[in-house]
Amino acid sequence: MNVISLDRARDRRRGARLLGQRRIEPPSALAVRPAHPLQDTDADEDRLRMRQNLAAFLVIVVIVGFGSWLMTSLHYYSHLQACIEAGHRNCLPLESRYLASPHWR
């Protein structure tokens, strides 16, 4: 953005009136905007912010869930390793579907 000194701008305005040239307009960034587009922009920004918050929340839930699963697994495997190092033979719990049935056919 170019900056024009006030004296020079006043001289140009006076000359513009005399010569029939255009007036110097302020940059569009300084112009007053209507209220309605700002409300639409605020609503769009709110929607975007809500989506970002939801995405961040879901990422945090996934990280906490994965961390909880990892801690549980590490705890189980550390107990299993301690049992095996102690020389026990019954460290893994056996499920009933893998046990031999008492009735042979």
C-alpha atoms as a PDB file:
ATOM      1  CA  MET A   1       0.000   0.000   0.000  1.00  0.00           C
ATOM      2  CA  ASN A   2       1.393   3.381  -0.931  1.00  0.00           C
ATOM      3  CA  VAL A   3       1.342   6.176   1.586  1.00  0.00           C
ATOM      4  CA  ILE A   4       0.586   9.689   0.349  1.00  0.00           C
ATOM      5  CA  SER A   5       1.404  12.664   2.532  1.00  0.00           C
ATOM      6  CA  LEU A   6      -1.568  14.761   3.637  1.00  0.00           C
ATOM      7  CA  ASP A   7      -0.314  17.957   1.961  1.00  0.00           C
ATOM      8  CA  ARG A   8       0.111  16.183  -1.331  1.00  0.00           C
ATOM      9  CA  ALA A   9      -3.320  14.561  -1.073  1.00  0.00           C
ATOM     10  CA  ARG A  10      -4.951  17.936  -0.353  1.00  0.00           C
ATOM     11  CA  ASP A  11      -3.193  19.483  -3.323  1.00  0.00           C
ATOM     12  CA  ARG A  12      -4.373  16.644  -5.550  1.00  0.00           C
ATOM     13  CA  ARG A  13      -7.959  17.023  -4.352  1.00  0.00           C
ATOM     14  CA  ARG A  14      -7.956  20.713  -5.103  1.00  0.00           C
ATOM     15  CA  GLY A  15      -6.427  20.035  -8.487  1.00  0.00           C
ATOM     16  CA  ALA A  16      -8.904  17.223  -9.118  1.00  0.00           C
ATOM     17  CA  ARG A  17     -11.827  19.539  -8.524  1.00  0.00           C
ATOM     18  CA  LEU A  18     -10.392  22.147 -10.806  1.00  0.00           C
ATOM     19  CA  LEU A  19      -9.368  19.784 -13.582  1.00  0.00           C
ATOM     20  CA  GLY A  20     -12.356  17.405 -13.320  1.00  0.00           C
ATOM     21  CA  GLN A  21     -10.265  14.375 -12.330  1.00  0.00           C
ATOM     22  CA  ARG A  22     -11.324  11.620  -9.952  1.00  0.00           C
ATOM     23  CA  ARG A  23     -11.150  12.030  -6.205  1.00  0.00           C
ATOM     24  CA  ILE A  24      -8.693   9.966  -4.196  1.00  0.00           C
ATOM     25  CA  GLU A  25     -10.575   7.097  -2.593  1.00  0.00           C
ATOM     26  CA  PRO A  26      -9.426   5.408   0.620  1.00  0.00           C
ATOM     27  CA  PRO A  27      -8.207   1.844   0.308  1.00  0.00           C
ATOM     28  CA  SER A  28     -10.915  -0.791   0.432  1.00  0.00           C
ATOM     29  CA  ALA A  29      -9.540  -2.111   3.729  1.00  0.00           C
ATOM     30  CA  LEU A  30     -10.524   1.163   5.396  1.00  0.00           C
ATOM     31  CA  ALA A  31     -14.012   1.256   3.930  1.00  0.00           C
ATOM     32  CA  VAL A  32     -17.000   0.547   6.178  1.00  0.00           C
ATOM     33  CA  ARG A  33     -18.483  -2.848   5.454  1.00  0.00           C
ATOM     34  CA  PRO A  34     -22.166  -3.721   5.844  1.00  0.00           C
ATOM     35  CA  ALA A  35     -23.162  -5.734   8.898  1.00  0.00           C
ATOM     36  CA  HIS A  36     -24.700  -8.716   7.049  1.00  0.00           C
ATOM     37  CA  PRO A  37     -21.567 -10.105   5.362  1.00  0.00           C
ATOM     38  CA  LEU A  38     -19.721  -9.948   8.670  1.00  0.00           C
ATOM     39  CA  GLN A  39     -22.444 -12.003  10.322  1.00  0.00           C
ATOM     40  CA  ASP A  40     -22.181 -14.604   7.565  1.00  0.00           C
ATOM     41  CA  THR A  41     -18.411 -14.652   7.950  1.00  0.00           C
ATOM     42  CA  ASP A  42     -18.729 -15.038  11.716  1.00  0.00           C
ATOM     43  CA  ALA A  43     -21.179 -17.916  11.273  1.00  0.00           C
ATOM     44  CA  ASP A  44     -18.826 -19.611   8.788  1.00  0.00           C
ATOM     45  CA  GLU A  45     -15.897 -19.119  11.151  1.00  0.00           C
ATOM     46  CA  ASP A  46     -17.949 -20.558  14.018  1.00  0.00           C
ATOM     47  CA  ARG A  47     -18.832 -23.630  11.968  1.00  0.00           C
ATOM     48  CA  LEU A  48     -15.195 -24.117  10.994  1.00  0.00           C
ATOM     49  CA  ARG A  49     -14.085 -23.677  14.600  1.00  0.00           C
ATOM     50  CA  MET A  50     -16.688 -26.211  15.778  1.00  0.00           C
ATOM     51  CA  ARG A  51     -15.462 -28.753  13.210  1.00  0.00           C
ATOM     52  CA  GLN A  52     -11.873 -28.191  14.297  1.00  0.00           C
ATOM     53  CA  ASN A  53     -12.842 -28.590  17.957  1.00  0.00           C
ATOM     54  CA  LEU A  54     -14.709 -31.809  17.182  1.00  0.00           C
ATOM     55  CA  ALA A  55     -11.755 -33.173  15.219  1.00  0.00           C
ATOM     56  CA  ALA A  56      -9.360 -32.277  18.040  1.00  0.00           C
ATOM     57  CA  PHE A  57     -11.670 -33.942  20.581  1.00  0.00           C
ATOM     58  CA  LEU A  58     -11.858 -37.131  18.500  1.00  0.00           C
ATOM     59  CA  VAL A  59      -8.064 -37.222  18.124  1.00  0.00           C
ATOM     60  CA  ILE A  60      -7.657 -36.844  21.882  1.00  0.00           C
ATOM     61  CA  VAL A  61     -10.195 -39.636  22.534  1.00  0.00           C
ATOM     62  CA  VAL A  62      -8.336 -41.945  20.126  1.00  0.00           C
ATOM     63  CA  ILE A  63      -4.987 -41.144  21.738  1.00  0.00           C
ATOM     64  CA  VAL A  64      -6.345 -41.741  25.264  1.00  0.00           C
ATOM     65  CA  GLY A  65      -8.044 -44.983  24.166  1.00  0.00           C
ATOM     66  CA  PHE A  66      -4.886 -46.261  22.485  1.00  0.00           C
ATOM     67  CA  GLY A  67      -2.802 -45.275  25.511  1.00  0.00           C
ATOM     68  CA  SER A  68      -5.180 -47.101  27.848  1.00  0.00           C
ATOM     69  CA  TRP A  69      -5.069 -50.250  25.710  1.00  0.00           C
ATOM     70  CA  LEU A  70      -1.278 -50.055  25.522  1.00  0.00           C
ATOM     71  CA  MET A  71      -0.913 -49.659  29.299  1.00  0.00           C
ATOM     72  CA  THR A  72      -3.227 -52.627  29.932  1.00  0.00           C
ATOM     73  CA  SER A  73      -1.334 -54.808  27.452  1.00  0.00           C
ATOM     74  CA  LEU A  74       2.053 -53.870  28.888  1.00  0.00           C
ATOM     75  CA  HIS A  75       0.829 -54.579  32.415  1.00  0.00           C
ATOM     76  CA  TYR A  76      -0.463 -58.019  31.391  1.00  0.00           C
ATOM     77  CA  TYR A  77       2.731 -58.932  29.525  1.00  0.00           C
ATOM     78  CA  SER A  78       4.958 -57.752  32.387  1.00  0.00           C
ATOM     79  CA  HIS A  79       3.083 -60.059  34.789  1.00  0.00           C
ATOM     80  CA  LEU A  80       3.346 -62.895  32.292  1.00  0.00           C
ATOM     81  CA  GLN A  81       7.081 -62.326  31.882  1.00  0.00           C
ATOM     82  CA  ALA A  82       7.612 -62.217  35.656  1.00  0.00           C
ATOM     83  CA  CYS A  83       5.701 -65.495  35.997  1.00  0.00           C
ATOM     84  CA  ILE A  84       7.802 -67.196  33.306  1.00  0.00           C
ATOM     85  CA  GLU A  85      11.055 -65.866  34.814  1.00  0.00           C
ATOM     86  CA  ALA A  86      10.032 -67.283  38.172  1.00  0.00           C
ATOM     87  CA  GLY A  87       9.867 -70.725  36.560  1.00  0.00           C
ATOM     88  CA  HIS A  88       6.139 -71.318  36.898  1.00  0.00           C
ATOM     89  CA  ARG A  89       4.503 -73.526  34.311  1.00  0.00           C
ATOM     90  CA  ASN A  90       0.920 -72.328  34.660  1.00  0.00           C
ATOM     91  CA  CYS A  91       1.362 -68.662  33.685  1.00  0.00           C
ATOM     92  CA  LEU A  92      -1.234 -68.504  30.925  1.00  0.00           C
ATOM     93  CA  PRO A  93      -4.859 -69.019  31.897  1.00  0.00           C
ATOM     94  CA  LEU A  94      -6.380 -71.818  29.862  1.00  0.00           C
ATOM     95  CA  GLU A  95      -9.774 -71.294  28.339  1.00  0.00           C
ATOM     96  CA  SER A  96     -12.332 -74.058  28.668  1.00  0.00           C
ATOM     97  CA  ARG A  97     -12.736 -74.502  24.942  1.00  0.00           C
ATOM     98  CA  TYR A  98      -9.079 -75.569  24.635  1.00  0.00           C
ATOM     99  CA  LEU A  99      -9.144 -78.072  27.502  1.00  0.00           C
ATOM    100  CA  ALA A 100      -9.410 -81.739  26.706  1.00  0.00           C
ATOM    101  CA  SER A 101     -12.884 -83.047  27.288  1.00  0.00           C
ATOM    102  CA  PRO A 102     -13.211 -85.613  30.068  1.00  0.00           C
ATOM    103  CA  HIS A 103     -15.234 -87.887  27.817  1.00  0.00           C
ATOM    104  CA  TRP A 104     -13.268 -89.493  25.015  1.00  0.00           C
ATOM    105  CA  ARG A 105     -15.202 -90.736  22.072  1.00  0.00           C
END
